[in-house]
C-alpha atoms as a PDB file:
ATOM      1  CA  UNK A   1     -19.655  -5.083 -17.392  1.00  0.00           C
ATOM      2  CA  UNK A   2     -18.948  -8.585 -18.127  1.00  0.00           C
ATOM      3  CA  UNK A   3     -18.768 -11.864 -16.270  1.00  0.00           C
ATOM      4  CA  UNK A   4     -14.749 -12.859 -14.900  1.00  0.00           C
ATOM      5  CA  UNK A   5     -15.745 -16.129 -13.195  1.00  0.00           C
ATOM      6  CA  UNK A   6     -14.456 -18.159 -16.192  1.00  0.00           C
ATOM      7  CA  UNK A   7     -11.342 -16.426 -16.253  1.00  0.00           C
ATOM      8  CA  UNK A   8      -9.221 -16.921 -13.225  1.00  0.00           C
ATOM      9  CA  UNK A   9      -5.707 -18.021 -14.582  1.00  0.00           C
ATOM     10  CA  UNK A  10      -3.656 -14.909 -14.786  1.00  0.00           C
ATOM     11  CA  UNK A  11      -2.476 -15.303 -18.218  1.00  0.00           C
ATOM     12  CA  UNK A  12      -5.898 -15.816 -19.667  1.00  0.00           C
ATOM     13  CA  UNK A  13      -7.494 -13.085 -17.586  1.00  0.00           C
ATOM     14  CA  UNK A  14      -4.889 -10.804 -19.073  1.00  0.00           C
ATOM     15  CA  UNK A  15      -5.436 -12.142 -22.665  1.00  0.00           C
ATOM     16  CA  UNK A  16      -9.253 -12.146 -22.093  1.00  0.00           C
ATOM     17  CA  UNK A  17      -8.841  -8.288 -20.875  1.00  0.00           C
ATOM     18  CA  UNK A  18      -6.694  -6.942 -23.669  1.00  0.00           C
ATOM     19  CA  UNK A  19      -9.425  -8.523 -26.073  1.00  0.00           C
ATOM     20  CA  UNK A  20     -12.197  -7.099 -24.171  1.00  0.00           C
ATOM     21  CA  UNK A  21     -10.258  -3.637 -24.067  1.00  0.00           C
ATOM     22  CA  UNK A  22      -9.768  -3.721 -27.737  1.00  0.00           C
ATOM     23  CA  UNK A  23     -13.112  -4.354 -29.032  1.00  0.00           C
ATOM     24  CA  UNK A  24     -14.435  -1.379 -26.316  1.00  0.00           C
ATOM     25  CA  UNK A  25     -12.199   0.689 -28.187  1.00  0.00           C
ATOM     26  CA  UNK A  26     -13.030  -0.414 -31.699  1.00  0.00           C
ATOM     27  CA  UNK A  27     -16.663   0.244 -31.135  1.00  0.00           C
ATOM     28  CA  UNK A  28     -16.268   3.689 -30.447  1.00  0.00           C
ATOM     29  CA  UNK A  29     -14.214   3.857 -33.710  1.00  0.00           C
ATOM     30  CA  UNK A  30     -10.897   3.937 -32.166  1.00  0.00           C
ATOM     31  CA  UNK A  31      -7.331   2.310 -31.910  1.00  0.00           C
ATOM     32  CA  UNK A  32      -5.825   0.579 -28.766  1.00  0.00           C
ATOM     33  CA  UNK A  33      -2.807   3.198 -30.014  1.00  0.00           C
ATOM     34  CA  UNK A  34      -4.851   5.760 -29.520  1.00  0.00           C
ATOM     35  CA  UNK A  35      -5.193   5.367 -25.833  1.00  0.00           C
ATOM     36  CA  UNK A  36      -2.930   7.329 -23.482  1.00  0.00           C
ATOM     37  CA  UNK A  37      -3.207   5.039 -20.844  1.00  0.00           C
ATOM     38  CA  UNK A  38      -5.040   2.075 -19.070  1.00  0.00           C
ATOM     39  CA  UNK A  39      -5.825   2.391 -15.344  1.00  0.00           C
ATOM     40  CA  UNK A  40      -6.425  -0.895 -13.340  1.00  0.00           C
ATOM     41  CA  UNK A  41      -7.954  -1.797  -9.686  1.00  0.00           C
ATOM     42  CA  UNK A  42      -6.906  -4.553  -8.343  1.00  0.00           C
ATOM     43  CA  UNK A  43      -7.612  -6.794  -5.458  1.00  0.00           C
ATOM     44  CA  UNK A  44      -4.457  -6.811  -3.310  1.00  0.00           C
ATOM     45  CA  UNK A  45      -2.162  -7.503  -1.103  1.00  0.00           C
ATOM     46  CA  UNK A  46       0.952  -6.729  -3.060  1.00  0.00           C
ATOM     47  CA  UNK A  47       4.984  -7.324  -2.617  1.00  0.00           C
ATOM     48  CA  UNK A  48       7.695  -6.000  -4.788  1.00  0.00           C
ATOM     49  CA  UNK A  49       5.002  -4.579  -6.903  1.00  0.00           C
ATOM     50  CA  UNK A  50       3.130  -7.835  -7.479  1.00  0.00           C
ATOM     51  CA  UNK A  51       0.054  -9.282  -6.295  1.00  0.00           C
ATOM     52  CA  UNK A  52       0.981 -11.288  -3.274  1.00  0.00           C
ATOM     53  CA  UNK A  53      -0.890 -14.227  -1.661  1.00  0.00           C
ATOM     54  CA  UNK A  54      -4.222 -12.613  -2.493  1.00  0.00           C
ATOM     55  CA  UNK A  55      -7.462 -14.048  -0.621  1.00  0.00           C
ATOM     56  CA  UNK A  56      -9.631 -13.254  -3.803  1.00  0.00           C
ATOM     57  CA  UNK A  57      -6.892 -14.304  -6.686  1.00  0.00           C
ATOM     58  CA  UNK A  58      -5.123 -17.194  -5.258  1.00  0.00           C
ATOM     59  CA  UNK A  59      -3.967 -18.366  -8.296  1.00  0.00           C
ATOM     60  CA  UNK A  60      -2.669 -14.506  -9.291  1.00  0.00           C
ATOM     61  CA  UNK A  61       0.407 -15.008  -7.072  1.00  0.00           C
ATOM     62  CA  UNK A  62       3.397 -13.110  -7.971  1.00  0.00           C
ATOM     63  CA  UNK A  63       1.558 -11.486 -11.330  1.00  0.00           C
ATOM     64  CA  UNK A  64       2.635  -8.056 -12.199  1.00  0.00           C
ATOM     65  CA  UNK A  65      -0.427  -6.639 -13.628  1.00  0.00           C
ATOM     66  CA  UNK A  66       1.051  -3.532 -15.150  1.00  0.00           C
ATOM     67  CA  UNK A  67       3.389  -5.437 -17.032  1.00  0.00           C
ATOM     68  CA  UNK A  68       1.389  -8.232 -18.019  1.00  0.00           C
ATOM     69  CA  UNK A  69      -1.735  -6.331 -19.330  1.00  0.00           C
ATOM     70  CA  UNK A  70       0.650  -3.412 -20.694  1.00  0.00           C
ATOM     71  CA  UNK A  71       2.824  -6.015 -22.876  1.00  0.00           C
ATOM     72  CA  UNK A  72      -0.389  -7.014 -24.484  1.00  0.00           C
ATOM     73  CA  UNK A  73      -1.950  -3.649 -25.434  1.00  0.00           C
ATOM     74  CA  UNK A  74       1.547  -1.685 -25.837  1.00  0.00           C
ATOM     75  CA  UNK A  75      -0.032   1.313 -23.726  1.00  0.00           C
ATOM     76  CA  UNK A  76       1.157   2.313 -20.533  1.00  0.00           C
ATOM     77  CA  UNK A  77      -0.705   0.659 -17.347  1.00  0.00           C
ATOM     78  CA  UNK A  78      -1.272   2.354 -13.622  1.00  0.00           C
ATOM     79  CA  UNK A  79      -2.836  -0.025 -11.475  1.00  0.00           C
ATOM     80  CA  UNK A  80      -3.377  -0.102  -7.427  1.00  0.00           C
ATOM     81  CA  UNK A  81      -5.480  -1.950  -4.929  1.00  0.00           C
ATOM     82  CA  UNK A  82      -9.184  -1.552  -6.303  1.00  0.00           C
ATOM     83  CA  UNK A  83     -10.155   0.260  -2.937  1.00  0.00           C
ATOM     84  CA  UNK A  84      -7.350   2.671  -2.934  1.00  0.00           C
ATOM     85  CA  UNK A  85      -7.723   3.362  -6.885  1.00  0.00           C
ATOM     86  CA  UNK A  86     -11.697   3.969  -5.497  1.00  0.00           C
ATOM     87  CA  UNK A  87     -10.639   6.252  -3.019  1.00  0.00           C
ATOM     88  CA  UNK A  88      -8.639   8.324  -5.567  1.00  0.00           C
ATOM     89  CA  UNK A  89     -11.403   8.419  -7.914  1.00  0.00           C
ATOM     90  CA  UNK A  90     -14.130   9.645  -5.092  1.00  0.00           C
ATOM     91  CA  UNK A  91     -11.944  12.019  -3.731  1.00  0.00           C
ATOM     92  CA  UNK A  92     -11.140  13.541  -7.322  1.00  0.00           C
ATOM     93  CA  UNK A  93     -14.771  13.424  -8.878  1.00  0.00           C
ATOM     94  CA  UNK A  94     -16.789  12.374  -5.721  1.00  0.00           C
ATOM     95  CA  UNK A  95     -18.182  13.719  -2.427  1.00  0.00           C
ATOM     96  CA  UNK A  96     -14.333  13.431  -1.244  1.00  0.00           C
ATOM     97  CA  UNK A  97     -13.803  16.480  -4.019  1.00  0.00           C
ATOM     98  CA  UNK A  98     -12.285  19.688  -1.658  1.00  0.00           C
ATOM     99  CA  UNK A  99     -11.435  17.638   1.319  1.00  0.00           C
ATOM    100  CA  UNK A 100      -7.513  17.734   2.277  1.00  0.00           C
ATOM    101  CA  UNK A 101      -7.271  14.223   4.266  1.00  0.00           C
ATOM    102  CA  UNK A 102     -10.015  11.208   3.237  1.00  0.00           C
ATOM    103  CA  UNK A 103     -10.353   8.098   3.977  1.00  0.00           C
ATOM    104  CA  UNK A 104     -12.566   5.966   1.999  1.00  0.00           C
ATOM    105  CA  UNK A 105     -13.907   2.498   3.022  1.00  0.00           C
ATOM    106  CA  UNK A 106     -15.685   0.385   1.008  1.00  0.00           C
ATOM    107  CA  UNK A 107     -17.592  -2.395   2.227  1.00  0.00           C
ATOM    108  CA  UNK A 108     -19.183  -4.972  -0.433  1.00  0.00           C
ATOM    109  CA  UNK A 109     -18.371  -8.679  -1.182  1.00  0.00           C
ATOM    110  CA  UNK A 110     -14.994  -7.603   0.527  1.00  0.00           C
ATOM    111  CA  UNK A 111     -14.095  -4.851   2.711  1.00  0.00           C
ATOM    112  CA  UNK A 112     -11.050  -2.191   1.746  1.00  0.00           C
ATOM    113  CA  UNK A 113     -10.181   1.119   1.828  1.00  0.00           C
ATOM    114  CA  UNK A 114      -8.006   4.135   0.411  1.00  0.00           C
ATOM    115  CA  UNK A 115      -6.377   6.790   2.217  1.00  0.00           C
ATOM    116  CA  UNK A 116      -6.108  10.635   1.004  1.00  0.00           C
ATOM    117  CA  UNK A 117      -3.561  12.806   2.688  1.00  0.00           C
ATOM    118  CA  UNK A 118      -2.867  16.674   2.128  1.00  0.00           C
ATOM    119  CA  UNK A 119      -4.093  16.180  -1.160  1.00  0.00           C
ATOM    120  CA  UNK A 120      -2.410  12.921  -2.198  1.00  0.00           C
ATOM    121  CA  UNK A 121      -3.168   9.321  -2.136  1.00  0.00           C
ATOM    122  CA  UNK A 122      -1.010   7.317   0.566  1.00  0.00           C
ATOM    123  CA  UNK A 123      -0.328   4.027  -0.803  1.00  0.00           C
ATOM    124  CA  UNK A 124       1.989   2.554   1.821  1.00  0.00           C
ATOM    125  CA  UNK A 125       5.398   1.532   1.387  1.00  0.00           C
ATOM    126  CA  UNK A 126       4.412  -1.322  -0.849  1.00  0.00           C
ATOM    127  CA  UNK A 127       1.050  -0.591  -1.763  1.00  0.00           C
ATOM    128  CA  UNK A 128      -0.686  -2.112   1.293  1.00  0.00           C
ATOM    129  CA  UNK A 129      -2.243   0.814   3.076  1.00  0.00           C
ATOM    130  CA  UNK A 130      -5.839   0.923   3.767  1.00  0.00           C
ATOM    131  CA  UNK A 131      -5.874  -3.279   4.487  1.00  0.00           C
ATOM    132  CA  UNK A 132      -8.719  -2.467   6.926  1.00  0.00           C
ATOM    133  CA  UNK A 133     -10.729  -5.805   6.011  1.00  0.00           C
ATOM    134  CA  UNK A 134      -8.377  -7.479   7.258  1.00  0.00           C
ATOM    135  CA  UNK A 135      -7.901  -5.752  10.485  1.00  0.00           C
ATOM    136  CA  UNK A 136      -8.370  -8.264  13.451  1.00  0.00           C
ATOM    137  CA  UNK A 137     -11.626  -7.333  15.183  1.00  0.00           C
ATOM    138  CA  UNK A 138     -12.110 -10.644  17.116  1.00  0.00           C
ATOM    139  CA  UNK A 139      -9.166 -13.288  17.675  1.00  0.00           C
ATOM    140  CA  UNK A 140     -11.614 -16.028  18.330  1.00  0.00           C
ATOM    141  CA  UNK A 141     -13.928 -15.172  15.042  1.00  0.00           C
ATOM    142  CA  UNK A 142     -14.545 -17.183  12.066  1.00  0.00           C
ATOM    143  CA  UNK A 143     -11.462 -18.175   9.869  1.00  0.00           C
ATOM    144  CA  UNK A 144     -10.553 -15.860   7.002  1.00  0.00           C
ATOM    145  CA  UNK A 145      -9.174 -16.409   3.625  1.00  0.00           C
ATOM    146  CA  UNK A 146      -5.718 -14.914   4.935  1.00  0.00           C
ATOM    147  CA  UNK A 147      -4.819 -17.347   7.448  1.00  0.00           C
ATOM    148  CA  UNK A 148      -5.911 -15.668  10.325  1.00  0.00           C
ATOM    149  CA  UNK A 149      -8.982 -15.468  12.293  1.00  0.00           C
ATOM    150  CA  UNK A 150     -11.476 -12.789  13.037  1.00  0.00           C
ATOM    151  CA  UNK A 151     -10.659 -10.108  10.383  1.00  0.00           C
ATOM    152  CA  UNK A 152     -13.560  -7.353   9.725  1.00  0.00           C
ATOM    153  CA  UNK A 153     -14.058  -9.119   6.356  1.00  0.00           C
ATOM    154  CA  UNK A 154     -15.020 -11.963   7.938  1.00  0.00           C
ATOM    155  CA  UNK A 155     -17.589 -10.545  10.123  1.00  0.00           C
ATOM    156  CA  UNK A 156     -18.962  -7.639   8.107  1.00  0.00           C
ATOM    157  CA  UNK A 157     -18.849  -8.169   4.507  1.00  0.00           C
ATOM    158  CA  UNK A 158     -21.897  -8.560   2.277  1.00  0.00           C
ATOM    159  CA  UNK A 159     -20.191 -12.292   2.262  1.00  0.00           C
ATOM    160  CA  UNK A 160     -19.913 -12.816   5.680  1.00  0.00           C
ATOM    161  CA  UNK A 161     -23.561 -11.289   6.385  1.00  0.00           C
ATOM    162  CA  UNK A 162     -25.155 -13.774   4.050  1.00  0.00           C
ATOM    163  CA  UNK A 163     -23.200 -16.911   5.530  1.00  0.00           C
ATOM    164  CA  UNK A 164     -23.676 -16.070   9.082  1.00  0.00           C
ATOM    165  CA  UNK A 165     -27.425 -15.548   8.551  1.00  0.00           C
ATOM    166  CA  UNK A 166     -27.629 -19.084   6.491  1.00  0.00           C
ATOM    167  CA  UNK A 167     -26.089 -20.603   9.140  1.00  0.00           C
ATOM    168  CA  UNK A 168     -28.617 -19.490  11.392  1.00  0.00           C
ATOM    169  CA  UNK A 169     -31.794 -19.315   9.004  1.00  0.00           C
ATOM    170  CA  UNK A 170     -33.586 -21.981  10.668  1.00  0.00           C
ATOM    171  CA  UNK A 171     -34.343 -20.095  13.734  1.00  0.00           C
ATOM    172  CA  UNK A 172     -35.508 -17.047  11.154  1.00  0.00           C
ATOM    173  CA  UNK A 173     -39.234 -16.799  10.187  1.00  0.00           C
ATOM    174  CA  UNK A 174     -38.209 -14.867   7.316  1.00  0.00           C
ATOM    175  CA  UNK A 175     -35.209 -16.711   5.774  1.00  0.00           C
ATOM    176  CA  UNK A 176     -35.737 -20.370   6.815  1.00  0.00           C
ATOM    177  CA  UNK A 177     -37.499 -20.593   3.359  1.00  0.00           C
ATOM    178  CA  UNK A 178     -34.910 -19.338   1.341  1.00  0.00           C
ATOM    179  CA  UNK A 179     -32.924 -22.156  -0.715  1.00  0.00           C
ATOM    180  CA  UNK A 180     -29.896 -19.288  -0.895  1.00  0.00           C
ATOM    181  CA  UNK A 181     -29.787 -16.464   1.630  1.00  0.00           C
ATOM    182  CA  UNK A 182     -28.238 -13.059   0.152  1.00  0.00           C
ATOM    183  CA  UNK A 183     -27.205  -9.957   1.692  1.00  0.00           C
ATOM    184  CA  UNK A 184     -29.764  -8.308   0.132  1.00  0.00           C
ATOM    185  CA  UNK A 185     -32.888 -10.803   1.858  1.00  0.00           C
ATOM    186  CA  UNK A 186     -30.688 -10.048   5.111  1.00  0.00           C
ATOM    187  CA  UNK A 187     -30.938  -6.353   5.218  1.00  0.00           C
ATOM    188  CA  UNK A 188     -35.269  -7.173   4.249  1.00  0.00           C
ATOM    189  CA  UNK A 189     -35.592  -9.285   7.162  1.00  0.00           C
ATOM    190  CA  UNK A 190     -33.641  -6.995   9.555  1.00  0.00           C
ATOM    191  CA  UNK A 191     -36.555  -4.297   8.362  1.00  0.00           C
ATOM    192  CA  UNK A 192     -39.305  -7.115   9.378  1.00  0.00           C
ATOM    193  CA  UNK A 193     -37.838  -7.443  12.879  1.00  0.00           C
ATOM    194  CA  UNK A 194     -36.235 -10.865  12.160  1.00  0.00           C
ATOM    195  CA  UNK A 195     -34.191 -11.486  15.188  1.00  0.00           C
ATOM    196  CA  UNK A 196     -31.473 -13.927  13.100  1.00  0.00           C
ATOM    197  CA  UNK A 197     -31.329 -10.520  10.761  1.00  0.00           C
ATOM    198  CA  UNK A 198     -30.664  -8.169  13.935  1.00  0.00           C
ATOM    199  CA  UNK A 199     -28.217 -10.461  15.835  1.00  0.00           C
ATOM    200  CA  UNK A 200     -25.896 -10.587  12.572  1.00  0.00           C
ATOM    201  CA  UNK A 201     -26.181  -7.257  11.429  1.00  0.00           C
ATOM    202  CA  UNK A 202     -25.659  -5.863  14.983  1.00  0.00           C
ATOM    203  CA  UNK A 203     -22.316  -8.032  15.151  1.00  0.00           C
ATOM    204  CA  UNK A 204     -21.420  -6.437  12.109  1.00  0.00           C
ATOM    205  CA  UNK A 205     -21.830  -3.038  13.192  1.00  0.00           C
ATOM    206  CA  UNK A 206     -20.099  -3.840  16.377  1.00  0.00           C
ATOM    207  CA  UNK A 207     -17.147  -4.957  14.074  1.00  0.00           C
ATOM    208  CA  UNK A 208     -17.149  -2.030  11.570  1.00  0.00           C
ATOM    209  CA  UNK A 209     -17.573   0.644  14.249  1.00  0.00           C
ATOM    210  CA  UNK A 210     -14.242  -0.549  16.286  1.00  0.00           C
ATOM    211  CA  UNK A 211     -12.406  -0.903  13.159  1.00  0.00           C
ATOM    212  CA  UNK A 212     -13.242   2.622  11.596  1.00  0.00           C
ATOM    213  CA  UNK A 213     -12.625   4.125  15.291  1.00  0.00           C
ATOM    214  CA  UNK A 214      -8.491   2.559  14.997  1.00  0.00           C
ATOM    215  CA  UNK A 215      -8.955   4.142  11.233  1.00  0.00           C
ATOM    216  CA  UNK A 216      -9.777   7.477  12.570  1.00  0.00           C
ATOM    217  CA  UNK A 217      -7.683   7.366  15.510  1.00  0.00           C
ATOM    218  CA  UNK A 218      -4.331   6.648  13.353  1.00  0.00           C
ATOM    219  CA  UNK A 219      -5.287   8.984  10.292  1.00  0.00           C
ATOM    220  CA  UNK A 220      -7.525  11.851  11.989  1.00  0.00           C
ATOM    221  CA  UNK A 221      -9.187  12.380   8.307  1.00  0.00           C
ATOM    222  CA  UNK A 222     -11.533  15.265   7.881  1.00  0.00           C
ATOM    223  CA  UNK A 223     -13.549  13.249   5.853  1.00  0.00           C
ATOM    224  CA  UNK A 224     -14.579   9.166   6.171  1.00  0.00           C
ATOM    225  CA  UNK A 225     -16.560   7.998   3.117  1.00  0.00           C
ATOM    226  CA  UNK A 226     -18.798   4.602   3.100  1.00  0.00           C
ATOM    227  CA  UNK A 227     -19.151   3.239   0.291  1.00  0.00           C
ATOM    228  CA  UNK A 228     -19.975  -0.431  -1.114  1.00  0.00           C
ATOM    229  CA  UNK A 229     -22.783  -2.343  -1.744  1.00  0.00           C
ATOM    230  CA  UNK A 230     -23.502  -2.811   2.084  1.00  0.00           C
ATOM    231  CA  UNK A 231     -23.579   0.503   2.949  1.00  0.00           C
ATOM    232  CA  UNK A 232     -26.318   1.233   0.225  1.00  0.00           C
ATOM    233  CA  UNK A 233     -28.816  -0.901   2.657  1.00  0.00           C
ATOM    234  CA  UNK A 234     -29.954   2.574   4.025  1.00  0.00           C
ATOM    235  CA  UNK A 235     -29.496   5.636   6.274  1.00  0.00           C
ATOM    236  CA  UNK A 236     -30.574   3.686   9.345  1.00  0.00           C
ATOM    237  CA  UNK A 237     -27.916   1.157   8.990  1.00  0.00           C
ATOM    238  CA  UNK A 238     -25.423   4.132   8.039  1.00  0.00           C
ATOM    239  CA  UNK A 239     -26.314   5.937  11.365  1.00  0.00           C
ATOM    240  CA  UNK A 240     -25.750   2.667  13.183  1.00  0.00           C
ATOM    241  CA  UNK A 241     -22.279   2.008  11.820  1.00  0.00           C
ATOM    242  CA  UNK A 242     -21.781   5.789  13.103  1.00  0.00           C
ATOM    243  CA  UNK A 243     -22.650   5.376  16.571  1.00  0.00           C
ATOM    244  CA  UNK A 244     -20.784   2.054  17.212  1.00  0.00           C
ATOM    245  CA  UNK A 245     -18.120   3.880  15.791  1.00  0.00           C
ATOM    246  CA  UNK A 246     -18.670   6.798  18.089  1.00  0.00           C
ATOM    247  CA  UNK A 247     -18.027   4.640  21.127  1.00  0.00           C
ATOM    248  CA  UNK A 248     -14.517   3.708  20.177  1.00  0.00           C
ATOM    249  CA  UNK A 249     -13.152   6.503  19.025  1.00  0.00           C
ATOM    250  CA  UNK A 250     -11.136   9.509  20.265  1.00  0.00           C
ATOM    251  CA  UNK A 251     -13.299  12.413  21.010  1.00  0.00           C
ATOM    252  CA  UNK A 252     -11.114  14.754  19.940  1.00  0.00           C
ATOM    253  CA  UNK A 253     -10.319  12.588  16.602  1.00  0.00           C
ATOM    254  CA  UNK A 254     -14.408  12.077  16.420  1.00  0.00           C
ATOM    255  CA  UNK A 255     -15.286  16.098  16.740  1.00  0.00           C
ATOM    256  CA  UNK A 256     -12.660  16.523  13.653  1.00  0.00           C
ATOM    257  CA  UNK A 257     -14.268  14.406  11.207  1.00  0.00           C
ATOM    258  CA  UNK A 258     -17.392  14.550   8.804  1.00  0.00           C
ATOM    259  CA  UNK A 259     -18.982  11.373   7.687  1.00  0.00           C
ATOM    260  CA  UNK A 260     -20.595  10.571   4.169  1.00  0.00           C
ATOM    261  CA  UNK A 261     -22.065   7.771   2.219  1.00  0.00           C
ATOM    262  CA  UNK A 262     -20.986   7.381  -1.632  1.00  0.00           C
ATOM    263  CA  UNK A 263     -22.960   7.500  -4.209  1.00  0.00           C
ATOM    264  CA  UNK A 264     -23.905   3.749  -6.125  1.00  0.00           C
ATOM    265  CA  UNK A 265     -21.131   1.878  -6.140  1.00  0.00           C
ATOM    266  CA  UNK A 266     -21.994   0.371  -9.603  1.00  0.00           C
ATOM    267  CA  UNK A 267     -18.958   2.098 -11.347  1.00  0.00           C
ATOM    268  CA  UNK A 268     -16.908   3.630  -8.334  1.00  0.00           C
ATOM    269  CA  UNK A 269     -14.080   0.711  -9.226  1.00  0.00           C
ATOM    270  CA  UNK A 270     -13.934   2.169 -12.742  1.00  0.00           C
ATOM    271  CA  UNK A 271     -13.989   5.662 -12.017  1.00  0.00           C
ATOM    272  CA  UNK A 272     -10.766   5.152  -9.489  1.00  0.00           C
ATOM    273  CA  UNK A 273      -8.900   3.452 -12.547  1.00  0.00           C
ATOM    274  CA  UNK A 274      -9.588   6.315 -14.982  1.00  0.00           C
ATOM    275  CA  UNK A 275      -8.563   8.511 -11.876  1.00  0.00           C
ATOM    276  CA  UNK A 276      -5.394   6.153 -11.649  1.00  0.00           C
ATOM    277  CA  UNK A 277      -4.580   6.619 -15.299  1.00  0.00           C
ATOM    278  CA  UNK A 278      -5.069  10.573 -15.038  1.00  0.00           C
ATOM    279  CA  UNK A 279      -2.739  10.637 -12.848  1.00  0.00           C
ATOM    280  CA  UNK A 280       0.113   8.494 -13.773  1.00  0.00           C
ATOM    281  CA  UNK A 281      -0.191   6.662 -10.395  1.00  0.00           C
ATOM    282  CA  UNK A 282       0.916   3.166  -9.625  1.00  0.00           C
ATOM    283  CA  UNK A 283       1.720   0.858  -7.008  1.00  0.00           C
ATOM    284  CA  UNK A 284       4.701   1.450  -5.496  1.00  0.00           C
ATOM    285  CA  UNK A 285       7.897  -0.789  -6.926  1.00  0.00           C
ATOM    286  CA  UNK A 286       6.258  -1.208 -10.340  1.00  0.00           C
ATOM    287  CA  UNK A 287       8.202  -0.197 -13.051  1.00  0.00           C
END
């Protein structure tokens, strides 16, 4: 793991990734030429095989990650949305093994999802399938970096939970003393019965339940896997999200789906990138 906050510009970032990869391979006694392929998970959205107006990487607009990195390392690069890659990894190596249709949803700094249908990943026409974080659940809700209001990500991501609690912390016996409110603090306050934490997390649970019900009704998967840092908060929060979804999902769809939590999320994205490289899968529209 390495910090990336100082390499926001795309050319600089690609140079840095290439150098880091070369150092990693050399540290294992090898050379870049020894690699069969490299997998990359990257925030979207995408258009024509390139990043398109990503709210998380605005300066990367128009970048073809596979081509840019491939030119630097001289090896095949397979890349896809990071949540879609993680879904492929979870299906191949994690709790999704053995399922024919699976949806993986990560609730972390942002929110995304990936879809596997009939044993194959479903990327969508141009790689944007599964953008559940930008499903609008409250048209009058907070503004989103994508330019709209009330996206799921603005109400239920770890970033949104911390932001909303921070805005109301003067009313919180637990959070009012904190210099900077974190998502972990909000969950700890919630476990202590803090009213602000309860209100913020109740709103997040409602939004997640609504958005997930839409996803289930559309895909009708046999398995729904929830991962990401927020979903590591414990069984109580997971159960509340599940109960909220049941209120909105079609009963016939609800009866067919099994729910699982993903394992610890620290390496889910890396495993997903590995799965992309092993499968030779890449973004639609990429060369």
